[in-house]
C-alpha cells in the first residue's frame, strides 16, 4: 500500500468514526430529551390550552387567544404535600389543590360546585349575579368573602381572606388587573371563553379539575359531555334541508350577532341549522345595523332570543318593543324561541354543558327527532 493510499485510508476511517460518534451522540441526546419530556394530556378540542405532566409538577401553557403566536401564561402546578426542594422551569407556581380561591365569575363557581369543590371557594366578586344558594348563604354568614366588583375588588378584603389563587377572565388589552397583581397571589386567567368550539371550551374543565384536586371528576364530566354532544350532532348531521336561523335582539341602534367563527355559530351548525350570518369572519360578536339584519334574515325560519326580565316575554311585547320585529317571517310564523336568563341559568350552565344547549336547539329545529324532550332553555313565545 502506497503512502498516499494509506493516508486516504486513515482519513476515511476517521471520517467514518466521527460520523458514528456524532450519530451516537445525536441519538443519545434525542433519547435523553424524550425521557425528560412529560406526559402530555391529549386534549381533543381546546386550542389554547396545553397540559404536560412531569414527575413532580404539571406544566399548563395558555396560548394567547388574541395573538396565537404568543403565550398568555405558563403555570406550574405543584402538589402542596411536596415540600422538598424542586427545580422548576419558568412560570407561575401554583400549589395545588387550591383551598382558598377567590373566584370572579358565576360560571366558574357553578362548575366548581358540580365538581364538588365549592367549599374551596372562599371569596367571590359580583355576588349579586351568582345564583348559587351556598355562595349567597356563605357570604351572608361571613364564611365567604364578598370582594365587591370584579372591575375593582376590595383589596383589603382580598388580603384578609388570604387566597391561594385568583380565578378571573382575561380581556384583550385590559391593561392588567390593578392592585390585585401586587399581592403575590397566583392569578389564573380563565380564557376558556375564547375557545372557538363548544367542546373546546368545555374541555377546560380538565384544567380546573387539576387546580382543585378533582382531576378524575373533571375527566369523567367532560367525557360524558363529549359523548352526549357528539351523539346529538350525529343524529341531525344528514338532515336536509337545514332550517335557517337568526339570533339576538337590537340594542339601541345596534344589533349584535355572533360571528361566523364563534362558538354559538358552530353549535347552530351542529344542531342541524344554517346560521344566516355564518359568513361573518369574527369569533366574537359583530355589530350590525337593523337594516342589515333584516335584509339577510327577514326570511329566516327561526329566531332565537335571550333576555333578562321578571316576566316572560310575549309576541305582543316583542312587537311593542320595536314594531319592525313583526316583519320577520319567524315572527309571523310564530317561530321565535326565547330564553329568559333572569330565571333560567343559561350563562351558568351552557359554557361547560354545551350538550344541554345542543339538545334544546335540536328540539327547536327538528322537533320530531327528540319527541319526548322538554326544552330546558328555549321555548316558543306566548301570544
Protein backbone atom coordinates (compact mmCIF):
# COMPACT_ATOMS: atom_id res chain seq x y z
CA UNK A 1 0.00 0.00 0.00
CA UNK A 2 1.47 3.37 -1.04
CA UNK A 3 1.87 6.22 1.42
CA UNK A 4 -0.86 8.32 -0.29
CA UNK A 5 -3.30 5.42 -0.36
CA UNK A 6 -2.59 4.74 3.33
CA UNK A 7 -3.31 8.39 4.21
CA UNK A 8 -6.61 8.28 2.33
CA UNK A 9 -7.49 5.07 4.15
CA UNK A 10 -6.71 6.62 7.55
CA UNK A 11 -8.68 9.79 6.64
CA UNK A 12 -11.70 7.75 5.53
CA UNK A 13 -11.57 5.72 8.72
CA UNK A 14 -11.50 8.92 10.78
CA UNK A 15 -14.47 10.31 8.88
CA UNK A 16 -16.47 7.11 9.40
CA UNK A 17 -15.55 7.10 13.08
CA UNK A 18 -16.59 10.74 13.51
CA UNK A 19 -19.91 10.09 11.74
CA UNK A 20 -20.56 7.14 14.04
CA UNK A 21 -19.66 9.19 17.12
CA UNK A 22 -21.88 12.08 16.10
CA UNK A 23 -24.70 9.67 15.30
CA UNK A 24 -24.30 8.06 18.69
CA UNK A 25 -24.23 11.44 20.44
CA UNK A 26 -27.21 12.64 18.45
CA UNK A 27 -29.15 9.51 19.27
CA UNK A 28 -28.29 9.78 22.93
CA UNK A 29 -29.28 13.42 23.02
CA UNK A 30 -32.64 12.69 21.41
CA UNK A 31 -33.34 9.80 23.75
CA UNK A 32 -32.42 11.95 26.74
CA UNK A 33 -34.74 14.71 25.52
CA UNK A 34 -37.61 12.30 25.13
CA UNK A 35 -37.02 10.95 28.60
CA UNK A 36 -37.09 14.46 30.02
CA UNK A 37 -40.40 15.24 28.35
CA UNK A 38 -43.52 14.87 30.39
CA UNK A 39 -46.74 13.05 29.70
CA UNK A 40 -48.84 15.34 27.51
CA UNK A 41 -52.55 15.09 28.23
CA UNK A 42 -54.36 14.64 24.93
CA UNK A 43 -56.81 17.49 24.51
CA UNK A 44 -59.16 16.86 21.60
CA UNK A 45 -60.82 20.25 21.21
CA UNK A 46 -59.21 23.01 23.32
CA UNK A 47 -56.86 25.03 21.11
CA UNK A 48 -55.49 27.49 23.67
CA UNK A 49 -54.54 25.01 26.38
CA UNK A 50 -51.70 22.51 26.76
CA UNK A 51 -51.17 20.28 29.81
CA UNK A 52 -47.98 18.28 30.35
CA UNK A 53 -47.41 16.14 33.43
CA UNK A 54 -43.93 15.65 34.86
CA UNK A 55 -42.86 13.57 37.86
CA UNK A 56 -43.24 16.34 40.42
CA UNK A 57 -45.24 19.05 38.69
CA UNK A 58 -47.67 19.70 35.87
CA UNK A 59 -46.99 22.40 33.30
CA UNK A 60 -50.03 24.20 31.92
CA UNK A 61 -49.50 26.55 28.98
CA UNK A 62 -52.15 29.05 27.92
CA UNK A 63 -51.82 30.31 24.37
CA UNK A 64 -52.71 33.96 23.87
CA UNK A 65 -56.07 33.78 22.06
CA UNK A 66 -55.61 37.31 20.67
CA UNK A 67 -52.12 36.60 19.34
CA UNK A 68 -51.76 32.86 18.87
CA UNK A 69 -48.01 33.06 18.28
CA UNK A 70 -47.55 34.17 21.89
CA UNK A 71 -48.03 32.56 25.30
CA UNK A 72 -50.52 34.18 27.67
CA UNK A 73 -49.40 32.35 30.82
CA UNK A 74 -47.41 29.34 31.95
CA UNK A 75 -48.48 27.66 35.18
CA UNK A 76 -46.53 25.07 37.15
CA UNK A 77 -48.84 23.03 39.37
CA UNK A 78 -47.01 21.57 42.36
CA UNK A 79 -48.61 19.32 44.97
CA UNK A 80 -48.95 21.14 48.30
CA UNK A 81 -47.82 17.98 50.08
CA UNK A 82 -44.47 18.06 48.23
CA UNK A 83 -42.34 20.25 50.49
CA UNK A 84 -38.89 19.16 49.32
CA UNK A 85 -36.77 21.30 47.02
CA UNK A 86 -37.67 21.09 43.34
CA UNK A 87 -36.13 22.57 40.22
CA UNK A 88 -38.79 24.20 38.06
CA UNK A 89 -38.80 25.91 34.65
CA UNK A 90 -40.01 29.48 34.26
CA UNK A 91 -43.66 30.02 35.08
CA UNK A 92 -46.17 30.89 37.80
CA UNK A 93 -46.07 28.30 40.57
CA UNK A 94 -49.46 27.14 41.85
CA UNK A 95 -49.59 24.94 44.93
CA UNK A 96 -52.48 22.56 44.39
CA UNK A 97 -55.11 21.73 45.31
CA UNK A 98 -56.36 25.28 45.81
CA UNK A 99 -58.38 25.53 49.03
CA UNK A 100 -58.90 29.29 49.44
CA UNK A 101 -59.74 30.53 45.97
CA UNK A 102 -61.14 33.92 45.01
CA UNK A 103 -63.43 33.35 42.01
CA UNK A 104 -64.68 36.27 39.93
CA UNK A 105 -67.39 34.63 37.81
CA UNK A 106 -70.61 32.75 38.49
CA UNK A 107 -69.76 30.41 35.59
CA UNK A 108 -66.72 29.01 37.35
CA UNK A 109 -68.45 28.92 40.73
CA UNK A 110 -71.17 26.77 39.17
CA UNK A 111 -68.57 24.47 37.64
CA UNK A 112 -66.72 24.07 40.94
CA UNK A 113 -69.99 23.22 42.63
CA UNK A 114 -70.54 20.46 40.09
CA UNK A 115 -67.00 19.14 40.66
CA UNK A 116 -67.61 19.03 44.41
CA UNK A 117 -65.10 21.80 45.10
CA UNK A 118 -67.37 24.67 46.08
CA UNK A 119 -66.05 24.55 49.65
CA UNK A 120 -62.67 25.58 48.19
CA UNK A 121 -64.16 28.93 47.16
CA UNK A 122 -63.54 31.41 49.97
CA UNK A 123 -64.15 34.64 48.08
CA UNK A 124 -66.27 35.89 45.16
CA UNK A 125 -66.90 39.04 43.15
CA UNK A 126 -70.21 40.35 41.84
CA UNK A 127 -72.11 38.18 44.30
CA UNK A 128 -75.43 39.66 43.12
CA UNK A 129 -75.04 37.72 39.86
CA UNK A 130 -74.18 34.38 41.47
CA UNK A 131 -77.37 32.33 41.79
CA UNK A 132 -75.89 29.59 43.92
CA UNK A 133 -77.59 29.32 47.34
CA UNK A 134 -74.43 28.03 49.07
CA UNK A 135 -72.47 31.08 47.86
CA UNK A 136 -75.20 33.52 48.90
CA UNK A 137 -75.53 31.88 52.31
CA UNK A 138 -71.75 31.75 52.79
CA UNK A 139 -71.46 35.48 52.08
CA UNK A 140 -74.29 36.29 54.49
CA UNK A 141 -72.63 34.26 57.26
CA UNK A 142 -69.21 35.73 56.55
CA UNK A 143 -67.77 32.33 55.63
CA UNK A 144 -67.18 33.51 52.06
CA UNK A 145 -65.70 36.95 51.38
CA UNK A 146 -67.72 39.30 49.21
CA UNK A 147 -64.87 41.13 47.48
CA UNK A 148 -67.18 43.56 45.67
CA UNK A 149 -66.98 44.37 41.98
CA UNK A 150 -64.80 42.28 39.68
CA UNK A 151 -63.77 45.52 37.96
CA UNK A 152 -62.32 46.89 41.22
CA UNK A 153 -62.25 44.33 44.06
CA UNK A 154 -61.95 45.47 47.68
CA UNK A 155 -58.22 44.89 48.09
CA UNK A 156 -58.31 44.91 51.91
CA UNK A 157 -60.95 42.18 51.96
CA UNK A 158 -58.93 40.15 49.48
CA UNK A 159 -55.83 40.44 51.67
CA UNK A 160 -57.77 39.40 54.77
CA UNK A 161 -59.09 36.23 53.12
CA UNK A 162 -55.57 35.00 52.25
CA UNK A 163 -56.40 33.49 48.85
CA UNK A 164 -54.12 30.85 47.35
CA UNK A 165 -55.36 31.55 43.82
CA UNK A 166 -57.48 34.14 41.98
CA UNK A 167 -59.61 32.94 39.05
CA UNK A 168 -60.61 35.68 36.63
CA UNK A 169 -61.38 36.10 32.94
CA UNK A 170 -58.77 37.94 30.84
CA UNK A 171 -59.58 40.53 28.20
CA UNK A 172 -57.63 41.82 25.26
CA UNK A 173 -55.69 44.99 26.05
CA UNK A 174 -57.08 45.01 29.60
CA UNK A 175 -54.02 46.86 30.87
CA UNK A 176 -53.58 44.43 33.76
CA UNK A 177 -55.56 43.76 36.92
CA UNK A 178 -54.58 46.68 39.10
CA UNK A 179 -53.58 46.29 42.76
CA UNK A 180 -54.64 42.64 42.81
CA UNK A 181 -51.50 41.81 40.83
CA UNK A 182 -49.25 43.12 43.63
CA UNK A 183 -50.49 40.69 46.27
CA UNK A 184 -48.13 37.89 45.27
CA UNK A 185 -51.12 35.60 44.80
CA UNK A 186 -51.25 33.50 41.61
CA UNK A 187 -53.68 34.90 39.06
CA UNK A 188 -55.32 32.19 36.96
CA UNK A 189 -56.58 33.58 33.68
CA UNK A 190 -59.73 31.69 32.69
CA UNK A 191 -59.55 32.17 28.94
CA UNK A 192 -61.88 29.24 28.22
CA UNK A 193 -64.47 31.60 26.73
CA UNK A 194 -62.07 32.40 23.88
CA UNK A 195 -62.12 28.85 22.52
CA UNK A 196 -63.66 28.54 19.07
CA UNK A 197 -65.76 25.44 19.70
CA UNK A 198 -68.24 24.49 22.39
CA UNK A 199 -66.38 21.29 23.26
CA UNK A 200 -63.10 23.23 23.24
CA UNK A 201 -64.37 25.49 26.00
CA UNK A 202 -65.94 22.63 27.94
CA UNK A 203 -62.64 20.73 27.83
CA UNK A 204 -61.06 23.37 30.08
CA UNK A 205 -62.80 21.58 32.94
CA UNK A 206 -59.77 19.28 32.95
CA UNK A 207 -57.53 22.23 33.87
CA UNK A 208 -59.87 23.33 36.66
CA UNK A 209 -60.02 19.78 37.93
CA UNK A 210 -56.24 19.77 38.30
CA UNK A 211 -56.34 23.07 40.18
CA UNK A 212 -58.80 21.84 42.79
CA UNK A 213 -57.77 18.22 43.20
CA UNK A 214 -60.74 16.96 41.17
CA UNK A 215 -58.98 15.50 38.15
CA UNK A 216 -60.97 12.27 37.95
CA UNK A 217 -64.28 14.06 38.43
CA UNK A 218 -63.39 16.58 35.72
CA UNK A 219 -62.28 13.93 33.23
CA UNK A 220 -65.45 11.93 33.86
CA UNK A 221 -67.64 15.02 33.48
CA UNK A 222 -66.07 16.03 30.17
CA UNK A 223 -66.21 12.51 28.77
CA UNK A 224 -69.96 12.42 29.34
CA UNK A 225 -70.45 15.92 27.90
CA UNK A 226 -68.49 14.93 24.78
CA UNK A 227 -70.39 11.65 24.34
CA UNK A 228 -73.81 13.29 24.54
CA UNK A 229 -72.83 16.22 22.33
CA UNK A 230 -71.46 14.05 19.54
CA UNK A 231 -74.43 11.70 19.70
CA UNK A 232 -76.86 14.60 19.27
CA UNK A 233 -74.78 16.15 16.49
CA UNK A 234 -74.71 12.88 14.56
CA UNK A 235 -78.49 12.48 14.87
CA UNK A 236 -79.11 15.57 12.73
CA UNK A 237 -75.94 15.61 10.65
CA UNK A 238 -77.54 14.29 7.47
CA UNK A 239 -80.88 16.07 7.75
CA UNK A 240 -81.72 18.17 4.70
CA UNK A 241 -82.81 20.84 4.01
CA UNK A 242 -81.48 22.64 7.04
CA UNK A 243 -83.65 25.40 8.51
CA UNK A 244 -82.24 28.93 8.67
CA UNK A 245 -81.85 30.87 11.91
CA UNK A 246 -81.16 34.40 13.17
CA UNK A 247 -80.44 35.36 16.76
CA UNK A 248 -80.49 38.11 19.39
CA UNK A 249 -82.27 41.48 19.59
CA UNK A 250 -81.47 45.06 18.73
CA UNK A 251 -79.73 47.03 21.49
CA UNK A 252 -80.10 50.75 20.99
CA UNK A 253 -79.19 51.38 17.38
CA UNK A 254 -77.11 48.20 17.02
CA UNK A 255 -77.88 44.53 16.60
CA UNK A 256 -75.06 42.35 17.95
CA UNK A 257 -74.88 38.88 16.42
CA UNK A 258 -72.42 36.02 16.97
CA UNK A 259 -69.67 35.94 14.35
CA UNK A 260 -69.47 33.01 11.96
CA UNK A 261 -66.41 31.61 13.77
CA UNK A 262 -67.98 31.90 17.22
CA UNK A 263 -68.81 29.01 19.48
CA UNK A 264 -72.53 29.74 19.12
CA UNK A 265 -72.42 29.73 15.32
CA UNK A 266 -70.83 26.29 15.39
CA UNK A 267 -73.41 24.98 17.84
CA UNK A 268 -76.18 26.12 15.46
CA UNK A 269 -74.46 24.19 12.68
CA UNK A 270 -74.10 21.11 14.91
CA UNK A 271 -77.81 21.38 15.69
CA UNK A 272 -78.56 20.96 12.01
CA UNK A 273 -79.37 24.58 11.16
CA UNK A 274 -77.96 27.13 8.75
CA UNK A 275 -76.95 30.28 10.58
CA UNK A 276 -77.70 33.34 8.45
CA UNK A 277 -74.51 35.16 9.49
CA UNK A 278 -72.12 32.22 9.21
CA UNK A 279 -70.08 34.19 6.65
CA UNK A 280 -69.04 36.86 9.20
CA UNK A 281 -65.39 36.00 9.99
CA UNK A 282 -65.32 37.14 13.64
CA UNK A 283 -65.18 34.71 16.53
CA UNK A 284 -66.76 37.31 18.81
CA UNK A 285 -69.85 39.46 18.27
CA UNK A 286 -70.41 41.57 15.17
CA UNK A 287 -72.23 44.91 15.39
CA UNK A 288 -74.80 45.28 12.62
CA UNK A 289 -77.46 47.81 11.69
CA UNK A 290 -81.09 46.68 11.88
CA UNK A 291 -81.38 47.09 8.13
CA UNK A 292 -78.50 44.65 7.57
CA UNK A 293 -80.06 42.02 9.81
CA UNK A 294 -83.46 42.47 8.23
CA UNK A 295 -82.06 42.29 4.71
CA UNK A 296 -80.34 38.95 5.35
CA UNK A 297 -82.61 37.48 7.99
CA UNK A 298 -86.13 38.54 7.04
CA UNK A 299 -86.99 35.09 5.70
CA UNK A 300 -85.14 33.01 8.31
CA UNK A 301 -87.15 30.03 9.56
CA UNK A 302 -86.28 30.51 13.24
CA UNK A 303 -85.33 33.36 15.55
CA UNK A 304 -83.60 32.76 18.90
CA UNK A 305 -83.50 35.48 21.53
CA UNK A 306 -82.22 35.85 25.10
CA UNK A 307 -83.39 38.48 27.55
CA UNK A 308 -83.43 39.15 31.30
CA UNK A 309 -86.68 40.30 32.90
CA UNK A 310 -89.09 39.21 35.60
CA UNK A 311 -91.97 38.11 33.38
CA UNK A 312 -91.57 36.02 30.24
CA UNK A 313 -91.70 37.98 27.00
CA UNK A 314 -94.62 37.54 24.56
CA UNK A 315 -95.12 38.17 20.85
CA UNK A 316 -97.21 41.22 21.74
CA UNK A 317 -94.46 42.62 23.94
CA UNK A 318 -91.78 41.90 21.33
CA UNK A 319 -93.74 43.92 18.76
CA UNK A 320 -94.27 46.64 21.34
CA UNK A 321 -90.50 46.76 21.99
CA UNK A 322 -89.83 47.50 18.32
CA UNK A 323 -92.59 47.35 15.72
CA UNK A 324 -90.37 46.28 12.74
CA UNK A 325 -89.67 42.98 14.55
CA UNK A 326 -93.12 41.88 13.37
CA UNK A 327 -91.94 41.97 9.74
CA UNK A 328 -89.66 38.95 10.15
CA UNK A 329 -91.03 35.67 8.82
CA UNK A 330 -90.09 33.92 12.06
CA UNK A 331 -92.31 36.38 13.95
CA UNK A 332 -95.21 36.00 11.51
CA UNK A 333 -94.94 32.21 11.56
CA UNK A 334 -94.63 32.15 15.36
CA UNK A 335 -91.18 30.58 15.39
CA UNK A 336 -89.47 32.91 17.84
CA UNK A 337 -87.88 30.91 20.66
CA UNK A 338 -86.66 32.68 23.75
CA UNK A 339 -84.67 32.14 26.95
CA UNK A 340 -85.34 34.34 29.96
CA UNK A 341 -81.91 34.39 31.61
CA UNK A 342 -83.43 36.18 34.58
CA UNK A 343 -84.86 32.90 35.82
CA UNK A 344 -83.08 30.26 33.73
CA UNK A 345 -79.36 29.56 34.46
CA UNK A 346 -78.31 29.73 30.80
CA UNK A 347 -74.98 31.50 31.29
CA UNK A 348 -74.08 29.42 34.34
CA UNK A 349 -74.64 26.04 32.68
CA UNK A 350 -74.02 26.29 28.95
CA UNK A 351 -70.25 27.08 28.91
CA UNK A 352 -69.35 23.68 30.35
CA UNK A 353 -72.50 21.83 29.29
CA UNK A 354 -72.90 22.60 25.58
CA UNK A 355 -74.71 19.28 25.15
CA UNK A 356 -77.66 20.71 27.09
CA UNK A 357 -77.89 23.68 24.73
CA UNK A 358 -77.47 21.44 21.69
CA UNK A 359 -80.32 19.23 22.87
CA UNK A 360 -82.56 22.30 23.15
CA UNK A 361 -81.65 23.52 19.67
CA UNK A 362 -82.16 20.12 18.07
CA UNK A 363 -85.64 20.09 19.63
CA UNK A 364 -86.34 23.59 18.22
CA UNK A 365 -85.01 22.99 14.71
CA UNK A 366 -86.08 19.32 14.36
CA UNK A 367 -88.98 18.73 16.77
CA UNK A 368 -89.62 15.17 15.54
CA UNK A 369 -86.08 14.00 16.39
CA UNK A 370 -86.47 14.40 20.16
CA UNK A 371 -90.19 13.81 20.59
CA UNK A 372 -90.20 13.29 24.35
CA UNK A 373 -87.72 16.03 25.26
CA UNK A 374 -88.88 19.11 27.18
CA UNK A 375 -86.77 22.20 26.37
CA UNK A 376 -84.53 23.46 29.14
CA UNK A 377 -83.70 26.93 27.81
CA UNK A 378 -85.55 27.97 24.65
CA UNK A 379 -89.34 27.89 24.39
CA UNK A 380 -91.76 29.47 21.95
CA UNK A 381 -93.07 32.87 22.96
CA UNK A 382 -96.59 33.05 24.27
CA UNK A 383 -99.01 35.32 22.46
